[in-house]
Structure formats: structure tokens, C-alpha cells
Amino acid sequence: MVASCNALGLFGGERLVLVRGVEGLDEAQVQDIIGYLADPTPGTCLAMFGGKGVAEDGPLATAVATAGDVRIFDAPDDEHAVQWVVKRFSEQGIACPNGVARRIVKRAGIEIGDLALEVEKLATYGRGEPPTEADVDLLVAEQLDVKPWNMTDAWGRRDAAGVISFATADIEKPDDVQRISAIFANHVRRVRQALLVMEAGGSPKEVQKQLGLRSPYQAQGLCRQARAFSEPELARAVVRLAELDEAIKGGSRLDPRLELELALVEISAE
């Protein structure tokens, strides 16, 4: 962190250094930062974000207060989100009942960005009238508790719509795109390896052995999915996912989420 703050920018001008997870810093690291804050680099803004464990009267917060600002926020919960939804509607001159706001939060979650979109959608649909629970059920998609196998199973069925639905429902922050891409890249490689073993006459038991799988059910699932694809298809999918990895790491000007969706459609299509 200190080295990043002291490094010179390539293009000059002001710089912003963002750091997450500062609650995990040990005492020696905190002292290094305190030493830096005593004489910070001109033109560099250091923004540190932390969760529980960063005390308002602790040494790090005290040092930051001498050089800049310390802001402590309560973690959002369902009730905070409900009140936020009610207030957001009121800003548009719409009275949203607490029960309806609670239903919106239950279906959409507590992420402010998601809630803002849902409020805008319902306000436009209602043309200034208060939203109803029926409106919420009609327009607000219920948040899914997505597991990795939900996505990979949908891909194995060649269910492109299902793959997109599960994958996008599991995206909450930019880093999630890369995580989902890695899940698919690893899974598709395994399915291709399973197919190669099967084409050589191997059984699911041999697949389990060669791929180092813990459970025979994993091997059986890979073999089942492998039968839905040809080897050239899986080879192209491996290449396509490698291209996706490059794209979302800066190789494309398109939004990473759009790049993910395009790739998943391509590798799922028959």
C-alpha cells in the first residue's frame, strides 16, 4: 500500500489508491501506514475500506483522521433497505407502503444499485400510483441462491437461457465475472478430459482416477455431460473461455458482464 502510494503515475496528475479489507492488517502493517500518513505523497489519495475490526478510536483510524476523513457506517440490513426503498419512492412523489417495500427487498436483496433499478421500474410501471404486492411479483425477479453446479448443470443440458440466468444472478461485484469465468473454464476442461478418457474406452471409474476426483458421483456427472458434446465442441469451448479470460482482464472494450454472457451463449448453443 505504501509503495503504491509512493509510486509515480505514468501520466502524472492526481492518483487514487483503493484498498479493501484493511481490518486484516497486522500491527506492523498498520504502523507502516501510520508512518506514511505522517508525510503522505502529494497528489495521491489513499482510500481504505474495512469491516468489523477497524475501531473508530483505534490507531489506524486516529492516524487517518489527522490526514483526512474517517467515516463509520452501519452495515445495511433488511430494515435499512426497506426504509431506503420507501424514501426513494417518496422522492418521486409516490407513497410506497412498508409491506410492499419489504416485499421488494425480499425479492431483490439489499444491494442499493439493484433496489434503485427496481424502484425506477415500478415507478414507471405505476405512472405515479403506489406500487402493489402484485406489481412487485410481476416485475421484480426473485434473487436466486446460486450454486456453481446450478450454472454448470444448465450448461451440460445446453440450456443457454438457464446458464445466463444463473450466472448473472450470481454477479454482485465486478470481480464475480472473473470468478464465474474461472468456474466454467475449469469445469469445461474437466468435461473434455472425461470425454477423452471415455473415447479411449475408459469407464467413469477410470475418469475418477485420471482426474483425481474424490467422489464417483463427480465422475459420473462429468461423463453424463461429456456425452452431450463432441470433442471439437469442447475444444472450441476451452479456447473461447480462454479468450473470455483475456477480454475481461482488459483485452476488450465491452463490459465484462456482456463478454461473459456472449461466451456462455456460444459454448452452450447446439
Protein backbone atom coordinates (compact mmCIF):
# COMPACT_ATOMS: atom_id res chain seq x y z
CA MET A 1 0.00 0.00 0.00
CA VAL A 2 2.73 2.43 0.95
CA ALA A 3 4.75 1.52 -2.15
CA SER A 4 1.67 2.08 -4.35
CA CYS A 5 1.11 5.49 -2.82
CA ASN A 6 4.73 6.48 -3.31
CA ALA A 7 4.95 5.20 -6.91
CA LEU A 8 4.87 7.80 -9.66
CA GLY A 9 1.94 7.71 -12.04
CA LEU A 10 2.59 7.06 -15.72
CA PHE A 11 0.57 10.06 -16.86
CA GLY A 12 1.07 12.46 -13.97
CA GLY A 13 -1.79 14.22 -12.21
CA GLU A 14 -3.71 13.10 -9.15
CA ARG A 15 -3.87 9.40 -8.24
CA LEU A 16 -6.36 7.33 -6.25
CA VAL A 17 -5.24 4.17 -4.41
CA LEU A 18 -8.16 1.97 -3.24
CA VAL A 19 -7.59 -0.70 -0.60
CA ARG A 20 -10.15 -3.20 0.69
CA GLY A 21 -10.02 -5.42 3.76
CA VAL A 22 -7.89 -3.22 5.99
CA GLU A 23 -9.39 -4.94 9.05
CA GLY A 24 -6.98 -7.78 8.22
CA LEU A 25 -3.80 -5.72 8.57
CA ASP A 26 -1.45 -6.76 11.36
CA GLU A 27 0.13 -4.33 13.84
CA ALA A 28 3.38 -3.90 11.90
CA GLN A 29 1.49 -3.12 8.69
CA VAL A 30 -0.69 -0.58 10.49
CA GLN A 31 2.44 1.12 11.81
CA ASP A 32 3.85 1.32 8.27
CA ILE A 33 0.69 3.07 7.11
CA ILE A 34 0.71 5.40 10.11
CA GLY A 35 4.28 6.34 9.22
CA TYR A 36 3.23 7.08 5.64
CA LEU A 37 0.26 9.21 6.76
CA ALA A 38 2.63 11.44 8.71
CA ASP A 39 4.07 12.58 5.37
CA PRO A 40 1.75 11.43 2.54
CA THR A 41 2.66 11.74 -1.12
CA PRO A 42 1.27 14.96 -2.64
CA GLY A 43 -1.38 14.36 -5.29
CA THR A 44 -2.21 10.85 -4.06
CA CYS A 45 -5.49 9.97 -2.33
CA LEU A 46 -5.43 6.77 -0.26
CA ALA A 47 -8.92 5.32 0.35
CA MET A 48 -9.09 2.39 2.77
CA PHE A 49 -12.17 0.26 3.34
CA GLY A 50 -12.64 -2.19 6.18
CA GLY A 51 -15.31 -4.15 8.00
CA LYS A 52 -15.64 -5.12 11.63
CA GLY A 53 -12.34 -4.81 13.44
CA VAL A 54 -11.49 -1.25 12.42
CA ALA A 55 -12.14 0.65 15.65
CA GLU A 56 -13.16 4.29 15.41
CA ASP A 57 -10.71 5.14 18.20
CA GLY A 58 -8.01 2.68 17.06
CA PRO A 59 -4.52 3.67 15.90
CA LEU A 60 -5.29 3.41 12.17
CA ALA A 61 -8.47 5.50 12.31
CA THR A 62 -6.75 8.04 14.57
CA ALA A 63 -3.87 8.41 12.11
CA VAL A 64 -6.23 8.72 9.15
CA ALA A 65 -8.20 11.44 10.97
CA THR A 66 -5.07 13.58 11.21
CA ALA A 67 -4.51 13.45 7.44
CA GLY A 68 -8.05 13.09 6.06
CA ASP A 69 -11.51 11.78 6.89
CA VAL A 70 -12.80 8.77 8.83
CA ARG A 71 -16.35 7.62 8.14
CA ILE A 72 -18.06 4.81 10.01
CA PHE A 73 -21.19 3.25 8.54
CA ASP A 74 -23.55 0.68 9.98
CA ALA A 75 -23.76 -2.47 7.88
CA PRO A 76 -27.01 -2.44 5.86
CA ASP A 77 -29.75 -4.86 6.81
CA ASP A 78 -33.25 -5.64 5.55
CA GLU A 79 -34.94 -2.92 7.61
CA HIS A 80 -32.50 -0.24 6.44
CA ALA A 81 -33.16 -1.36 2.86
CA VAL A 82 -36.95 -1.19 3.37
CA GLN A 83 -36.73 2.38 4.64
CA TRP A 84 -34.43 3.29 1.76
CA VAL A 85 -36.98 1.97 -0.75
CA VAL A 86 -39.80 3.94 0.89
CA LYS A 87 -37.68 7.11 0.80
CA ARG A 88 -36.67 6.53 -2.82
CA PHE A 89 -40.31 6.29 -3.87
CA SER A 90 -41.18 9.39 -1.83
CA GLU A 91 -38.56 11.38 -3.74
CA GLN A 92 -40.68 10.72 -6.83
CA GLY A 93 -43.87 11.73 -5.08
CA ILE A 94 -45.04 8.13 -4.58
CA ALA A 95 -46.17 6.69 -1.24
CA CYS A 96 -44.89 3.12 -1.01
CA PRO A 97 -46.40 1.03 1.83
CA ASN A 98 -43.85 -0.59 4.13
CA GLY A 99 -45.25 -4.04 3.34
CA VAL A 100 -44.68 -3.53 -0.39
CA ALA A 101 -41.18 -2.15 0.21
CA ARG A 102 -40.41 -5.19 2.36
CA ARG A 103 -41.57 -7.46 -0.47
CA ILE A 104 -39.28 -5.64 -2.92
CA VAL A 105 -36.31 -6.14 -0.61
CA LYS A 106 -37.19 -9.80 -0.07
CA ARG A 107 -37.18 -10.45 -3.81
CA ALA A 108 -34.35 -8.15 -4.95
CA GLY A 109 -31.98 -8.22 -1.95
CA ILE A 110 -30.41 -5.29 -0.11
CA GLU A 111 -27.95 -4.05 -2.75
CA ILE A 112 -28.74 -0.37 -3.30
CA GLY A 113 -27.98 -0.50 -7.03
CA ASP A 114 -30.44 -3.35 -7.56
CA LEU A 115 -33.11 -1.69 -5.43
CA ALA A 116 -32.74 1.62 -7.29
CA LEU A 117 -33.42 -0.14 -10.58
CA GLU A 118 -36.47 -1.93 -9.18
CA VAL A 119 -37.90 1.30 -7.72
CA GLU A 120 -37.45 3.05 -11.06
CA LYS A 121 -39.11 0.16 -12.87
CA LEU A 122 -42.12 0.06 -10.52
CA ALA A 123 -42.50 3.84 -10.52
CA THR A 124 -42.55 3.92 -14.31
CA TYR A 125 -44.98 1.00 -14.49
CA GLY A 126 -47.36 2.54 -11.96
CA ARG A 127 -47.30 6.02 -13.54
CA GLY A 128 -47.20 7.72 -10.18
CA GLU A 129 -49.52 5.34 -8.35
CA PRO A 130 -48.31 3.49 -5.23
CA PRO A 131 -46.89 0.03 -6.09
CA THR A 132 -48.80 -3.07 -5.00
CA GLU A 133 -47.56 -6.50 -3.99
CA ALA A 134 -48.98 -7.82 -7.28
CA ASP A 135 -46.86 -5.29 -9.18
CA VAL A 136 -43.78 -6.43 -7.26
CA ASP A 137 -44.44 -10.10 -8.02
CA LEU A 138 -44.95 -9.26 -11.68
CA LEU A 139 -41.91 -7.04 -12.23
CA VAL A 140 -39.26 -7.83 -9.61
CA ALA A 141 -37.32 -11.02 -10.31
CA GLU A 142 -36.66 -13.05 -7.20
CA GLN A 143 -33.00 -13.21 -6.21
CA LEU A 144 -31.55 -16.69 -6.64
CA ASP A 145 -29.26 -18.50 -4.24
CA VAL A 146 -26.96 -19.74 -6.98
CA LYS A 147 -24.55 -22.63 -6.53
CA PRO A 148 -21.73 -23.34 -9.02
CA TRP A 149 -23.37 -26.60 -10.05
CA ASN A 150 -26.58 -24.76 -10.98
CA MET A 151 -24.61 -22.98 -13.70
CA THR A 152 -22.58 -25.95 -14.89
CA ASP A 153 -25.59 -28.30 -14.88
CA ALA A 154 -27.51 -25.85 -17.07
CA TRP A 155 -24.53 -25.72 -19.44
CA GLY A 156 -24.43 -29.53 -19.53
CA ARG A 157 -28.08 -29.52 -20.63
CA ARG A 158 -27.20 -26.94 -23.32
CA ASP A 159 -29.69 -24.63 -21.65
CA ALA A 160 -28.21 -21.29 -22.70
CA ALA A 161 -31.02 -19.28 -21.11
CA GLY A 162 -30.58 -21.14 -17.84
CA VAL A 163 -26.82 -20.64 -17.90
CA ILE A 164 -27.21 -16.89 -18.39
CA SER A 165 -29.92 -16.67 -15.73
CA PHE A 166 -27.86 -18.45 -13.07
CA ALA A 167 -24.57 -16.77 -13.98
CA THR A 168 -25.90 -13.20 -13.99
CA ALA A 169 -27.86 -13.80 -10.77
CA ASP A 170 -24.56 -14.65 -9.07
CA ILE A 171 -22.87 -11.38 -10.09
CA GLU A 172 -22.83 -8.83 -7.28
CA LYS A 173 -19.50 -7.10 -7.88
CA PRO A 174 -17.06 -6.77 -10.83
CA ASP A 175 -14.73 -9.50 -9.52
CA ASP A 176 -17.60 -12.02 -9.75
CA VAL A 177 -17.36 -12.06 -13.56
CA GLN A 178 -13.81 -13.38 -13.38
CA ARG A 179 -14.81 -15.91 -10.70
CA ILE A 180 -17.65 -17.29 -12.83
CA SER A 181 -15.41 -17.40 -15.89
CA ALA A 182 -12.87 -19.46 -13.92
CA ILE A 183 -15.60 -21.86 -12.74
CA PHE A 184 -16.66 -22.56 -16.31
CA ALA A 185 -13.10 -22.80 -17.64
CA ASN A 186 -12.17 -25.38 -15.03
CA HIS A 187 -15.39 -27.34 -15.50
CA VAL A 188 -15.26 -27.44 -19.28
CA ARG A 189 -11.66 -28.65 -19.20
CA ARG A 190 -12.69 -31.46 -16.88
CA VAL A 191 -15.61 -32.45 -19.09
CA ARG A 192 -13.29 -32.54 -22.11
CA GLN A 193 -10.78 -34.70 -20.19
CA ALA A 194 -13.61 -37.04 -19.21
CA LEU A 195 -14.70 -37.34 -22.84
CA LEU A 196 -11.16 -38.16 -23.97
CA VAL A 197 -10.94 -40.92 -21.35
CA MET A 198 -14.31 -42.30 -22.43
CA GLU A 199 -13.38 -42.20 -26.12
CA ALA A 200 -10.28 -44.23 -25.23
CA GLY A 201 -12.52 -46.89 -23.70
CA GLY A 202 -12.32 -45.73 -20.09
CA SER A 203 -15.16 -46.05 -17.59
CA PRO A 204 -16.42 -43.44 -15.10
CA LYS A 205 -14.18 -45.14 -12.55
CA GLU A 206 -11.18 -44.54 -14.82
CA VAL A 207 -12.30 -40.92 -15.25
CA GLN A 208 -12.37 -40.54 -11.47
CA LYS A 209 -8.88 -41.96 -11.20
CA GLN A 210 -7.28 -39.95 -14.00
CA LEU A 211 -8.87 -36.65 -12.98
CA GLY A 212 -8.18 -37.18 -9.29
CA LEU A 213 -11.82 -36.81 -8.28
CA ARG A 214 -12.86 -37.59 -4.72
CA SER A 215 -16.33 -38.88 -5.49
CA PRO A 216 -17.60 -41.34 -8.12
CA TYR A 217 -20.66 -39.11 -8.46
CA GLN A 218 -18.44 -36.30 -9.76
CA ALA A 219 -17.04 -38.61 -12.40
CA GLN A 220 -20.50 -39.84 -13.38
CA GLY A 221 -21.73 -36.27 -13.71
CA LEU A 222 -18.79 -35.30 -15.92
CA CYS A 223 -19.33 -38.35 -18.10
CA ARG A 224 -23.02 -37.59 -18.45
CA GLN A 225 -22.29 -34.04 -19.58
CA ALA A 226 -19.48 -35.17 -21.88
CA ARG A 227 -21.96 -37.28 -23.87
CA ALA A 228 -23.84 -34.12 -24.81
CA PHE A 229 -20.83 -32.64 -26.62
CA SER A 230 -18.32 -33.65 -29.24
CA GLU A 231 -14.60 -33.29 -28.63
CA PRO A 232 -14.23 -30.46 -31.19
CA GLU A 233 -17.05 -28.58 -29.45
CA LEU A 234 -15.36 -28.89 -26.08
CA ALA A 235 -12.00 -27.91 -27.54
CA ARG A 236 -13.57 -24.77 -29.02
CA ALA A 237 -15.25 -24.05 -25.67
CA VAL A 238 -11.89 -24.24 -23.89
CA VAL A 239 -10.43 -21.76 -26.38
CA ARG A 240 -13.48 -19.49 -26.14
CA LEU A 241 -13.21 -19.35 -22.36
CA ALA A 242 -9.51 -18.51 -22.63
CA GLU A 243 -10.50 -15.63 -24.93
CA LEU A 244 -13.09 -14.57 -22.36
CA ASP A 245 -10.44 -14.51 -19.65
CA GLU A 246 -8.30 -12.19 -21.76
CA ALA A 247 -11.28 -9.98 -22.60
CA ILE A 248 -12.40 -9.41 -19.01
CA LYS A 249 -8.83 -8.66 -17.92
CA GLY A 250 -8.62 -5.67 -20.22
CA GLY A 251 -8.46 -7.18 -23.68
CA SER A 252 -11.88 -5.87 -24.71
CA ARG A 253 -13.69 -2.57 -24.55
CA LEU A 254 -17.00 -4.32 -23.91
CA ASP A 255 -18.44 -4.60 -20.42
CA PRO A 256 -17.03 -7.76 -18.74
CA ARG A 257 -20.53 -8.99 -17.90
CA LEU A 258 -21.57 -8.71 -21.55
CA GLU A 259 -18.41 -10.56 -22.60
CA LEU A 260 -19.33 -13.33 -20.12
CA GLU A 261 -22.87 -13.62 -21.45
CA LEU A 262 -21.71 -13.77 -25.08
CA ALA A 263 -19.20 -16.50 -24.28
CA LEU A 264 -21.67 -18.59 -22.28
CA VAL A 265 -24.23 -18.44 -25.08
CA GLU A 266 -21.60 -19.59 -27.58
CA ILE A 267 -20.38 -22.56 -25.54
CA SER A 268 -23.93 -23.65 -24.66
CA ALA A 269 -25.51 -23.47 -28.11
CA GLU A 270 -26.06 -26.64 -30.12
